[in-house]
């Protein structure tokens, strides 16, 4: 039987995929859109990360394409409707990134609470400004978690151990036994924004969640509260957030994701902002796990297929 052909379009350790001898793998981590359009008809599966966009045009050219495998979480770079219409399955490995993203959220919370980046900057500039950096502790503060999926739940577990009170919001009903085990009290989204000392976002990007955090919702926040986003950039209206930060209307923000990436513009010059370049899930451990998990899903998908 002829081998299944797999095209790996983004940077990863192909050996870590663990594909069986039933596959022939081509590795082109810098493939352009034009090159992909010209070659996709020759492949049964595409393996991607966040760089490669698998849109309707790519799917239409993939006459033998059966599977798109995204190493990592988030499928906004895949046209799911077009894939479904053409009978192309789509899989990903979001479970591999849970610990990395959750730990990054907690790291950003601590950095905001204790002004760590700013203190580091003034020290390296040769200044000793001890009195300037009077922070706040996480213990006893209220953490609002918008989105109680895998990552939101893991953040809750860590934050509870640190002594934080937890409130949550989700459009999907979370089982009461899960909420009890996590110590999370569910509230509506406006109440979460008005009550929390720290807010962390863990929602997918949809038409409903785009600019979920707008000027009205930001206005509900306490002047001392902080917001952290490691989900998708467009969930926050960056112009509204920039305005609030410049007016000192909230305590600060930490963003790992942006409306446009690579990030540019006024948001990066806003005061009391910590910015990281979409590295929430980017640890050696999580990246290796993501590739291994998605490879196992490819093996399973094609197992026994003619």
C-alpha atoms as a PDB file:
ATOM      1  CA  UNK A   1       0.000   0.000   0.000  1.00  0.00           C
ATOM      2  CA  UNK A   2       1.297   3.455  -0.923  1.00  0.00           C
ATOM      3  CA  UNK A   3       2.507   5.610   1.921  1.00  0.00           C
ATOM      4  CA  UNK A   4       0.491   8.577   3.103  1.00  0.00           C
ATOM      5  CA  UNK A   5       2.236  11.846   2.298  1.00  0.00           C
ATOM      6  CA  UNK A   6       2.516  14.457   5.031  1.00  0.00           C
ATOM      7  CA  UNK A   7       3.742  18.021   4.612  1.00  0.00           C
ATOM      8  CA  UNK A   8       5.080  19.727   7.737  1.00  0.00           C
ATOM      9  CA  UNK A   9       4.736  23.455   7.086  1.00  0.00           C
ATOM     10  CA  UNK A  10       6.130  25.051  10.247  1.00  0.00           C
ATOM     11  CA  UNK A  11       9.166  24.682  12.470  1.00  0.00           C
ATOM     12  CA  UNK A  12       9.120  21.594  14.700  1.00  0.00           C
ATOM     13  CA  UNK A  13      11.107  18.444  15.457  1.00  0.00           C
ATOM     14  CA  UNK A  14       9.701  16.043  12.869  1.00  0.00           C
ATOM     15  CA  UNK A  15      11.126  13.020  14.676  1.00  0.00           C
ATOM     16  CA  UNK A  16       9.065  13.957  17.744  1.00  0.00           C
ATOM     17  CA  UNK A  17       5.900  13.482  15.686  1.00  0.00           C
ATOM     18  CA  UNK A  18       6.540   9.761  15.954  1.00  0.00           C
ATOM     19  CA  UNK A  19       4.830   8.944  12.668  1.00  0.00           C
ATOM     20  CA  UNK A  20       4.932   5.306  11.633  1.00  0.00           C
ATOM     21  CA  UNK A  21       6.508   3.858   8.507  1.00  0.00           C
ATOM     22  CA  UNK A  22       3.137   4.246   6.804  1.00  0.00           C
ATOM     23  CA  UNK A  23       3.995   7.911   6.161  1.00  0.00           C
ATOM     24  CA  UNK A  24       6.331   9.822   3.879  1.00  0.00           C
ATOM     25  CA  UNK A  25       7.118  13.183   5.467  1.00  0.00           C
ATOM     26  CA  UNK A  26       8.338  16.360   3.777  1.00  0.00           C
ATOM     27  CA  UNK A  27       9.581  19.186   5.996  1.00  0.00           C
ATOM     28  CA  UNK A  28       9.276  22.742   4.661  1.00  0.00           C
ATOM     29  CA  UNK A  29       9.126  25.072   7.682  1.00  0.00           C
ATOM     30  CA  UNK A  30       9.399  28.249   5.600  1.00  0.00           C
ATOM     31  CA  UNK A  31       6.969  27.313   2.837  1.00  0.00           C
ATOM     32  CA  UNK A  32       5.163  30.326   1.374  1.00  0.00           C
ATOM     33  CA  UNK A  33       1.455  30.560   0.623  1.00  0.00           C
ATOM     34  CA  UNK A  34       2.168  30.371  -3.098  1.00  0.00           C
ATOM     35  CA  UNK A  35       4.357  27.297  -2.688  1.00  0.00           C
ATOM     36  CA  UNK A  36       1.748  25.628  -0.506  1.00  0.00           C
ATOM     37  CA  UNK A  37      -0.956  26.259  -3.097  1.00  0.00           C
ATOM     38  CA  UNK A  38       1.222  24.657  -5.744  1.00  0.00           C
ATOM     39  CA  UNK A  39       2.093  21.562  -3.676  1.00  0.00           C
ATOM     40  CA  UNK A  40      -0.864  20.793  -1.441  1.00  0.00           C
ATOM     41  CA  UNK A  41      -2.551  18.552  -4.011  1.00  0.00           C
ATOM     42  CA  UNK A  42       0.217  15.991  -3.444  1.00  0.00           C
ATOM     43  CA  UNK A  43      -0.444  15.470   0.265  1.00  0.00           C
ATOM     44  CA  UNK A  44      -2.844  13.538   2.473  1.00  0.00           C
ATOM     45  CA  UNK A  45      -2.131  15.636   5.568  1.00  0.00           C
ATOM     46  CA  UNK A  46      -0.719  19.016   6.545  1.00  0.00           C
ATOM     47  CA  UNK A  47       0.987  19.642   9.875  1.00  0.00           C
ATOM     48  CA  UNK A  48       1.089  23.283  10.947  1.00  0.00           C
ATOM     49  CA  UNK A  49       1.617  25.575  13.886  1.00  0.00           C
ATOM     50  CA  UNK A  50       0.429  29.217  14.002  1.00  0.00           C
ATOM     51  CA  UNK A  51       2.421  30.575  11.029  1.00  0.00           C
ATOM     52  CA  UNK A  52       0.741  28.700   8.184  1.00  0.00           C
ATOM     53  CA  UNK A  53      -2.785  29.687   7.172  1.00  0.00           C
ATOM     54  CA  UNK A  54      -4.924  26.884   5.776  1.00  0.00           C
ATOM     55  CA  UNK A  55      -7.688  28.888   4.118  1.00  0.00           C
ATOM     56  CA  UNK A  56     -10.382  27.989   1.606  1.00  0.00           C
ATOM     57  CA  UNK A  57      -7.964  28.370  -1.320  1.00  0.00           C
ATOM     58  CA  UNK A  58      -5.473  25.904   0.169  1.00  0.00           C
ATOM     59  CA  UNK A  59      -8.230  23.441   0.994  1.00  0.00           C
ATOM     60  CA  UNK A  60      -9.696  23.710  -2.504  1.00  0.00           C
ATOM     61  CA  UNK A  61      -6.315  22.825  -4.026  1.00  0.00           C
ATOM     62  CA  UNK A  62      -5.848  19.868  -1.657  1.00  0.00           C
ATOM     63  CA  UNK A  63      -7.680  17.306  -3.741  1.00  0.00           C
ATOM     64  CA  UNK A  64      -6.351  14.343  -1.718  1.00  0.00           C
ATOM     65  CA  UNK A  65      -6.153  16.161   1.599  1.00  0.00           C
ATOM     66  CA  UNK A  66      -7.815  14.299   4.463  1.00  0.00           C
ATOM     67  CA  UNK A  67      -6.362  15.909   7.593  1.00  0.00           C
ATOM     68  CA  UNK A  68      -4.988  19.213   8.873  1.00  0.00           C
ATOM     69  CA  UNK A  69      -3.076  18.761  12.142  1.00  0.00           C
ATOM     70  CA  UNK A  70      -2.307  21.869  14.196  1.00  0.00           C
ATOM     71  CA  UNK A  71       0.474  21.415  16.731  1.00  0.00           C
ATOM     72  CA  UNK A  72      -0.731  23.516  19.633  1.00  0.00           C
ATOM     73  CA  UNK A  73      -4.018  25.217  20.463  1.00  0.00           C
ATOM     74  CA  UNK A  74      -6.255  27.587  18.565  1.00  0.00           C
ATOM     75  CA  UNK A  75      -7.598  26.936  15.092  1.00  0.00           C
ATOM     76  CA  UNK A  76      -8.208  30.487  13.880  1.00  0.00           C
ATOM     77  CA  UNK A  77      -5.570  29.951  11.152  1.00  0.00           C
ATOM     78  CA  UNK A  78      -7.676  27.132   9.656  1.00  0.00           C
ATOM     79  CA  UNK A  79     -10.907  27.751   7.742  1.00  0.00           C
ATOM     80  CA  UNK A  80     -12.969  25.203   9.646  1.00  0.00           C
ATOM     81  CA  UNK A  81     -16.116  25.763   7.602  1.00  0.00           C
ATOM     82  CA  UNK A  82     -14.294  25.153   4.320  1.00  0.00           C
ATOM     83  CA  UNK A  83     -12.544  22.108   5.791  1.00  0.00           C
ATOM     84  CA  UNK A  84     -15.851  20.623   6.917  1.00  0.00           C
ATOM     85  CA  UNK A  85     -17.429  21.276   3.522  1.00  0.00           C
ATOM     86  CA  UNK A  86     -14.618  19.387   1.804  1.00  0.00           C
ATOM     87  CA  UNK A  87     -14.588  16.508   4.294  1.00  0.00           C
ATOM     88  CA  UNK A  88     -11.172  17.431   5.706  1.00  0.00           C
ATOM     89  CA  UNK A  89     -10.726  16.643   9.404  1.00  0.00           C
ATOM     90  CA  UNK A  90      -8.891  19.094  11.675  1.00  0.00           C
ATOM     91  CA  UNK A  91      -7.096  18.128  14.889  1.00  0.00           C
ATOM     92  CA  UNK A  92      -4.896  20.002  17.343  1.00  0.00           C
ATOM     93  CA  UNK A  93      -3.093  19.424  20.635  1.00  0.00           C
ATOM     94  CA  UNK A  94      -4.262  22.132  23.066  1.00  0.00           C
ATOM     95  CA  UNK A  95      -3.835  19.794  26.019  1.00  0.00           C
ATOM     96  CA  UNK A  96      -0.052  20.021  25.627  1.00  0.00           C
ATOM     97  CA  UNK A  97       0.054  23.765  26.379  1.00  0.00           C
ATOM     98  CA  UNK A  98      -2.041  23.883  29.534  1.00  0.00           C
ATOM     99  CA  UNK A  99       0.759  23.940  32.109  1.00  0.00           C
ATOM    100  CA  UNK A 100       2.953  26.336  30.139  1.00  0.00           C
ATOM    101  CA  UNK A 101       0.194  28.906  29.589  1.00  0.00           C
ATOM    102  CA  UNK A 102      -1.147  28.632  33.127  1.00  0.00           C
ATOM    103  CA  UNK A 103       2.322  29.200  34.593  1.00  0.00           C
ATOM    104  CA  UNK A 104       2.841  32.155  32.247  1.00  0.00           C
ATOM    105  CA  UNK A 105      -0.409  33.695  33.504  1.00  0.00           C
ATOM    106  CA  UNK A 106       0.727  33.367  37.108  1.00  0.00           C
ATOM    107  CA  UNK A 107       4.123  34.790  36.184  1.00  0.00           C
ATOM    108  CA  UNK A 108       2.469  37.811  34.576  1.00  0.00           C
ATOM    109  CA  UNK A 109       0.234  38.290  37.607  1.00  0.00           C
ATOM    110  CA  UNK A 110       3.270  38.374  39.882  1.00  0.00           C
ATOM    111  CA  UNK A 111       5.136  40.696  37.523  1.00  0.00           C
ATOM    112  CA  UNK A 112       2.190  43.115  37.512  1.00  0.00           C
ATOM    113  CA  UNK A 113       1.628  42.945  41.256  1.00  0.00           C
ATOM    114  CA  UNK A 114       5.291  43.595  42.109  1.00  0.00           C
ATOM    115  CA  UNK A 115       6.308  45.861  39.186  1.00  0.00           C
ATOM    116  CA  UNK A 116       9.110  43.453  38.351  1.00  0.00           C
ATOM    117  CA  UNK A 117       9.865  44.607  34.761  1.00  0.00           C
ATOM    118  CA  UNK A 118       9.874  48.298  35.739  1.00  0.00           C
ATOM    119  CA  UNK A 119      12.043  47.681  38.802  1.00  0.00           C
ATOM    120  CA  UNK A 120      14.481  45.681  36.692  1.00  0.00           C
ATOM    121  CA  UNK A 121      14.654  48.483  34.105  1.00  0.00           C
ATOM    122  CA  UNK A 122      15.457  51.250  36.588  1.00  0.00           C
ATOM    123  CA  UNK A 123      18.074  49.114  38.319  1.00  0.00           C
ATOM    124  CA  UNK A 124      19.822  48.480  35.010  1.00  0.00           C
ATOM    125  CA  UNK A 125      19.631  52.212  34.286  1.00  0.00           C
ATOM    126  CA  UNK A 126      21.685  52.783  37.436  1.00  0.00           C
ATOM    127  CA  UNK A 127      18.879  54.041  39.693  1.00  0.00           C
ATOM    128  CA  UNK A 128      17.789  52.771  43.124  1.00  0.00           C
ATOM    129  CA  UNK A 129      14.083  53.594  43.481  1.00  0.00           C
ATOM    130  CA  UNK A 130      12.973  51.330  46.300  1.00  0.00           C
ATOM    131  CA  UNK A 131      10.174  53.621  47.519  1.00  0.00           C
ATOM    132  CA  UNK A 132       8.572  53.725  44.055  1.00  0.00           C
ATOM    133  CA  UNK A 133       7.768  50.041  43.825  1.00  0.00           C
ATOM    134  CA  UNK A 134       5.222  49.271  46.523  1.00  0.00           C
ATOM    135  CA  UNK A 135       3.382  46.252  45.185  1.00  0.00           C
ATOM    136  CA  UNK A 136       0.494  44.090  46.248  1.00  0.00           C
ATOM    137  CA  UNK A 137       0.257  40.437  47.292  1.00  0.00           C
ATOM    138  CA  UNK A 138      -1.815  37.846  45.482  1.00  0.00           C
ATOM    139  CA  UNK A 139      -2.933  36.139  48.684  1.00  0.00           C
ATOM    140  CA  UNK A 140      -6.389  37.318  49.683  1.00  0.00           C
ATOM    141  CA  UNK A 141      -7.082  38.986  46.333  1.00  0.00           C
ATOM    142  CA  UNK A 142      -9.918  38.023  43.994  1.00  0.00           C
ATOM    143  CA  UNK A 143      -9.024  36.453  40.663  1.00  0.00           C
ATOM    144  CA  UNK A 144     -11.660  36.554  37.934  1.00  0.00           C
ATOM    145  CA  UNK A 145     -11.257  33.800  35.326  1.00  0.00           C
ATOM    146  CA  UNK A 146     -13.155  34.370  32.078  1.00  0.00           C
ATOM    147  CA  UNK A 147     -13.256  30.939  30.463  1.00  0.00           C
ATOM    148  CA  UNK A 148     -12.970  27.768  32.537  1.00  0.00           C
ATOM    149  CA  UNK A 149     -11.547  25.393  29.980  1.00  0.00           C
ATOM    150  CA  UNK A 150      -8.355  23.420  30.515  1.00  0.00           C
ATOM    151  CA  UNK A 151      -6.128  26.450  31.059  1.00  0.00           C
ATOM    152  CA  UNK A 152      -8.621  28.433  33.122  1.00  0.00           C
ATOM    153  CA  UNK A 153      -9.089  25.461  35.435  1.00  0.00           C
ATOM    154  CA  UNK A 154      -5.339  24.994  35.853  1.00  0.00           C
ATOM    155  CA  UNK A 155      -4.893  28.695  36.655  1.00  0.00           C
ATOM    156  CA  UNK A 156      -7.627  28.286  39.259  1.00  0.00           C
ATOM    157  CA  UNK A 157      -5.822  25.347  40.853  1.00  0.00           C
ATOM    158  CA  UNK A 158      -2.564  27.297  41.155  1.00  0.00           C
ATOM    159  CA  UNK A 159      -4.228  30.515  42.331  1.00  0.00           C
ATOM    160  CA  UNK A 160      -6.224  28.696  45.000  1.00  0.00           C
ATOM    161  CA  UNK A 161      -3.029  27.263  46.478  1.00  0.00           C
ATOM    162  CA  UNK A 162      -1.670  30.832  46.565  1.00  0.00           C
ATOM    163  CA  UNK A 163      -4.603  31.893  48.704  1.00  0.00           C
ATOM    164  CA  UNK A 164      -6.649  33.802  46.135  1.00  0.00           C
ATOM    165  CA  UNK A 165     -10.453  33.942  46.064  1.00  0.00           C
ATOM    166  CA  UNK A 166     -11.810  32.750  42.725  1.00  0.00           C
ATOM    167  CA  UNK A 167     -14.754  33.866  40.606  1.00  0.00           C
ATOM    168  CA  UNK A 168     -15.439  32.609  37.098  1.00  0.00           C
ATOM    169  CA  UNK A 169     -17.466  33.121  33.953  1.00  0.00           C
ATOM    170  CA  UNK A 170     -18.152  30.829  31.015  1.00  0.00           C
ATOM    171  CA  UNK A 171     -20.831  30.511  28.341  1.00  0.00           C
ATOM    172  CA  UNK A 172     -20.641  26.741  28.816  1.00  0.00           C
ATOM    173  CA  UNK A 173     -22.071  25.303  32.009  1.00  0.00           C
ATOM    174  CA  UNK A 174     -19.340  24.008  34.292  1.00  0.00           C
ATOM    175  CA  UNK A 175     -20.311  21.005  36.491  1.00  0.00           C
ATOM    176  CA  UNK A 176     -20.937  21.933  40.107  1.00  0.00           C
ATOM    177  CA  UNK A 177     -18.521  19.274  41.341  1.00  0.00           C
ATOM    178  CA  UNK A 178     -15.770  20.863  39.238  1.00  0.00           C
ATOM    179  CA  UNK A 179     -16.515  24.315  40.615  1.00  0.00           C
ATOM    180  CA  UNK A 180     -16.538  22.946  44.159  1.00  0.00           C
ATOM    181  CA  UNK A 181     -13.188  21.211  43.698  1.00  0.00           C
ATOM    182  CA  UNK A 182     -11.647  24.388  42.278  1.00  0.00           C
ATOM    183  CA  UNK A 183     -13.269  26.733  44.761  1.00  0.00           C
ATOM    184  CA  UNK A 184     -14.726  28.899  41.977  1.00  0.00           C
ATOM    185  CA  UNK A 185     -17.937  30.898  42.304  1.00  0.00           C
ATOM    186  CA  UNK A 186     -19.596  31.615  38.952  1.00  0.00           C
ATOM    187  CA  UNK A 187     -20.814  35.149  38.178  1.00  0.00           C
ATOM    188  CA  UNK A 188     -21.881  37.103  35.111  1.00  0.00           C
ATOM    189  CA  UNK A 189     -19.124  38.805  33.132  1.00  0.00           C
ATOM    190  CA  UNK A 190     -19.887  42.359  34.250  1.00  0.00           C
ATOM    191  CA  UNK A 191     -19.815  41.275  37.897  1.00  0.00           C
ATOM    192  CA  UNK A 192     -16.487  39.556  37.294  1.00  0.00           C
ATOM    193  CA  UNK A 193     -14.972  42.739  35.850  1.00  0.00           C
ATOM    194  CA  UNK A 194     -16.342  44.888  38.648  1.00  0.00           C
ATOM    195  CA  UNK A 195     -15.298  42.550  41.479  1.00  0.00           C
ATOM    196  CA  UNK A 196     -11.917  41.053  40.564  1.00  0.00           C
ATOM    197  CA  UNK A 197      -8.515  42.400  41.553  1.00  0.00           C
ATOM    198  CA  UNK A 198      -6.962  40.356  38.738  1.00  0.00           C
ATOM    199  CA  UNK A 199      -8.745  39.238  35.559  1.00  0.00           C
ATOM    200  CA  UNK A 200      -7.394  36.543  33.260  1.00  0.00           C
ATOM    201  CA  UNK A 201      -8.925  35.764  29.868  1.00  0.00           C
ATOM    202  CA  UNK A 202      -9.193  32.232  28.472  1.00  0.00           C
ATOM    203  CA  UNK A 203     -11.802  32.436  25.732  1.00  0.00           C
ATOM    204  CA  UNK A 204     -11.656  31.471  22.039  1.00  0.00           C
ATOM    205  CA  UNK A 205     -11.852  34.122  19.333  1.00  0.00           C
ATOM    206  CA  UNK A 206     -15.339  34.165  17.829  1.00  0.00           C
ATOM    207  CA  UNK A 207     -17.653  36.858  16.488  1.00  0.00           C
ATOM    208  CA  UNK A 208     -19.149  37.013  19.998  1.00  0.00           C
ATOM    209  CA  UNK A 209     -15.827  37.343  21.847  1.00  0.00           C
ATOM    210  CA  UNK A 210     -14.161  39.868  19.524  1.00  0.00           C
ATOM    211  CA  UNK A 211     -13.681  43.004  21.678  1.00  0.00           C
ATOM    212  CA  UNK A 212     -15.356  41.243  24.567  1.00  0.00           C
ATOM    213  CA  UNK A 213     -13.239  43.591  26.654  1.00  0.00           C
ATOM    214  CA  UNK A 214     -14.300  47.005  25.378  1.00  0.00           C
ATOM    215  CA  UNK A 215     -14.351  50.485  26.896  1.00  0.00           C
ATOM    216  CA  UNK A 216     -17.574  49.790  28.794  1.00  0.00           C
ATOM    217  CA  UNK A 217     -16.261  46.626  30.408  1.00  0.00           C
ATOM    218  CA  UNK A 218     -12.904  48.229  31.223  1.00  0.00           C
ATOM    219  CA  UNK A 219     -14.805  51.065  32.931  1.00  0.00           C
ATOM    220  CA  UNK A 220     -16.269  48.496  35.341  1.00  0.00           C
ATOM    221  CA  UNK A 221     -12.829  47.516  36.625  1.00  0.00           C
ATOM    222  CA  UNK A 222     -11.410  48.802  39.886  1.00  0.00           C
ATOM    223  CA  UNK A 223      -8.768  51.496  39.568  1.00  0.00           C
ATOM    224  CA  UNK A 224      -6.331  49.092  41.252  1.00  0.00           C
ATOM    225  CA  UNK A 225      -7.159  45.979  39.207  1.00  0.00           C
ATOM    226  CA  UNK A 226      -5.091  44.230  36.541  1.00  0.00           C
ATOM    227  CA  UNK A 227      -6.030  42.317  33.389  1.00  0.00           C
ATOM    228  CA  UNK A 228      -4.047  39.510  31.747  1.00  0.00           C
ATOM    229  CA  UNK A 229      -4.680  38.124  28.261  1.00  0.00           C
ATOM    230  CA  UNK A 230      -3.043  34.950  26.956  1.00  0.00           C
ATOM    231  CA  UNK A 231      -5.997  33.825  24.801  1.00  0.00           C
ATOM    232  CA  UNK A 232      -6.411  35.776  21.549  1.00  0.00           C
ATOM    233  CA  UNK A 233      -5.486  39.406  20.953  1.00  0.00           C
ATOM    234  CA  UNK A 234      -8.756  40.513  19.399  1.00  0.00           C
ATOM    235  CA  UNK A 235     -10.646  39.628  22.556  1.00  0.00           C
ATOM    236  CA  UNK A 236      -9.495  43.023  23.879  1.00  0.00           C
ATOM    237  CA  UNK A 237     -10.111  46.372  22.191  1.00  0.00           C
ATOM    238  CA  UNK A 238      -6.508  47.583  22.318  1.00  0.00           C
ATOM    239  CA  UNK A 239      -7.435  51.219  21.665  1.00  0.00           C
ATOM    240  CA  UNK A 240      -9.788  51.204  24.644  1.00  0.00           C
ATOM    241  CA  UNK A 241      -7.201  49.487  26.839  1.00  0.00           C
ATOM    242  CA  UNK A 242      -4.485  51.938  25.789  1.00  0.00           C
ATOM    243  CA  UNK A 243      -6.752  54.852  26.657  1.00  0.00           C
ATOM    244  CA  UNK A 244      -7.542  53.392  30.077  1.00  0.00           C
ATOM    245  CA  UNK A 245      -3.877  52.766  30.865  1.00  0.00           C
ATOM    246  CA  UNK A 246      -2.867  56.272  29.801  1.00  0.00           C
ATOM    247  CA  UNK A 247      -5.625  57.739  31.989  1.00  0.00           C
ATOM    248  CA  UNK A 248      -4.530  55.581  34.946  1.00  0.00           C
ATOM    249  CA  UNK A 249      -8.050  54.149  35.138  1.00  0.00           C
ATOM    250  CA  UNK A 250      -6.844  50.600  35.978  1.00  0.00           C
ATOM    251  CA  UNK A 251      -3.787  49.204  37.722  1.00  0.00           C
ATOM    252  CA  UNK A 252      -2.176  47.665  34.662  1.00  0.00           C
ATOM    253  CA  UNK A 253      -2.312  44.986  32.009  1.00  0.00           C
ATOM    254  CA  UNK A 254      -0.214  42.096  30.773  1.00  0.00           C
ATOM    255  CA  UNK A 255      -0.648  40.929  27.191  1.00  0.00           C
ATOM    256  CA  UNK A 256       0.873  37.906  25.514  1.00  0.00           C
ATOM    257  CA  UNK A 257      -1.393  38.217  22.461  1.00  0.00           C
ATOM    258  CA  UNK A 258      -2.319  41.190  20.295  1.00  0.00           C
ATOM    259  CA  UNK A 259      -4.872  42.290  17.727  1.00  0.00           C
ATOM    260  CA  UNK A 260      -2.141  42.271  15.101  1.00  0.00           C
ATOM    261  CA  UNK A 261       0.985  40.151  15.371  1.00  0.00           C
ATOM    262  CA  UNK A 262       3.848  40.984  15.385  1.00  0.00           C
ATOM    263  CA  UNK A 263       2.478  43.714  17.633  1.00  0.00           C
ATOM    264  CA  UNK A 264       2.991  47.376  16.787  1.00  0.00           C
ATOM    265  CA  UNK A 265       1.378  50.677  17.640  1.00  0.00           C
ATOM    266  CA  UNK A 266       0.363  52.667  20.676  1.00  0.00           C
ATOM    267  CA  UNK A 267      -0.475  49.702  22.877  1.00  0.00           C
ATOM    268  CA  UNK A 268       3.245  48.985  23.255  1.00  0.00           C
ATOM    269  CA  UNK A 269       3.886  52.486  24.624  1.00  0.00           C
ATOM    270  CA  UNK A 270       1.058  52.403  27.168  1.00  0.00           C
ATOM    271  CA  UNK A 271       2.100  52.808  30.822  1.00  0.00           C
ATOM    272  CA  UNK A 272       1.786  49.927  33.266  1.00  0.00           C
ATOM    273  CA  UNK A 273       1.764  47.401  30.447  1.00  0.00           C
ATOM    274  CA  UNK A 274       3.771  44.179  30.381  1.00  0.00           C
ATOM    275  CA  UNK A 275       4.057  42.712  26.887  1.00  0.00           C
ATOM    276  CA  UNK A 276       5.390  39.324  25.815  1.00  0.00           C
ATOM    277  CA  UNK A 277       5.534  38.078  22.192  1.00  0.00           C
ATOM    278  CA  UNK A 278       2.911  35.289  22.244  1.00  0.00           C
ATOM    279  CA  UNK A 279       5.097  32.936  24.273  1.00  0.00           C
ATOM    280  CA  UNK A 280       2.511  31.617  26.728  1.00  0.00           C
ATOM    281  CA  UNK A 281       2.698  28.083  25.399  1.00  0.00           C
ATOM    282  CA  UNK A 282       6.300  28.305  24.300  1.00  0.00           C
ATOM    283  CA  UNK A 283       8.318  26.077  26.584  1.00  0.00           C
ATOM    284  CA  UNK A 284      10.573  23.246  25.509  1.00  0.00           C
ATOM    285  CA  UNK A 285       8.334  20.848  27.393  1.00  0.00           C
ATOM    286  CA  UNK A 286       5.046  22.010  25.905  1.00  0.00           C
ATOM    287  CA  UNK A 287       6.316  22.270  22.338  1.00  0.00           C
ATOM    288  CA  UNK A 288       7.660  18.733  22.419  1.00  0.00           C
ATOM    289  CA  UNK A 289       4.425  17.462  23.975  1.00  0.00           C
ATOM    290  CA  UNK A 290       2.295  19.295  21.404  1.00  0.00           C
ATOM    291  CA  UNK A 291       4.159  17.699  18.500  1.00  0.00           C
ATOM    292  CA  UNK A 292       4.049  14.238  20.069  1.00  0.00           C
ATOM    293  CA  UNK A 293       0.321  14.466  20.776  1.00  0.00           C
ATOM    294  CA  UNK A 294      -0.565  15.702  17.301  1.00  0.00           C
ATOM    295  CA  UNK A 295       1.617  12.980  15.768  1.00  0.00           C
ATOM    296  CA  UNK A 296      -0.292  10.344  17.731  1.00  0.00           C
ATOM    297  CA  UNK A 297      -3.548  11.813  16.437  1.00  0.00           C
ATOM    298  CA  UNK A 298      -2.276  11.572  12.845  1.00  0.00           C
ATOM    299  CA  UNK A 299      -1.292   7.921  13.353  1.00  0.00           C
ATOM    300  CA  UNK A 300      -4.687   7.168  14.854  1.00  0.00           C
ATOM    301  CA  UNK A 301      -6.620   9.003  12.148  1.00  0.00           C
ATOM    302  CA  UNK A 302      -5.049   7.080   9.268  1.00  0.00           C
ATOM    303  CA  UNK A 303      -4.823   3.711  11.036  1.00  0.00           C
ATOM    304  CA  UNK A 304      -6.767   1.147   9.028  1.00  0.00           C
ATOM    305  CA  UNK A 305      -7.829   3.592   6.307  1.00  0.00           C
ATOM    306  CA  UNK A 306      -7.499   2.373   2.744  1.00  0.00           C
END
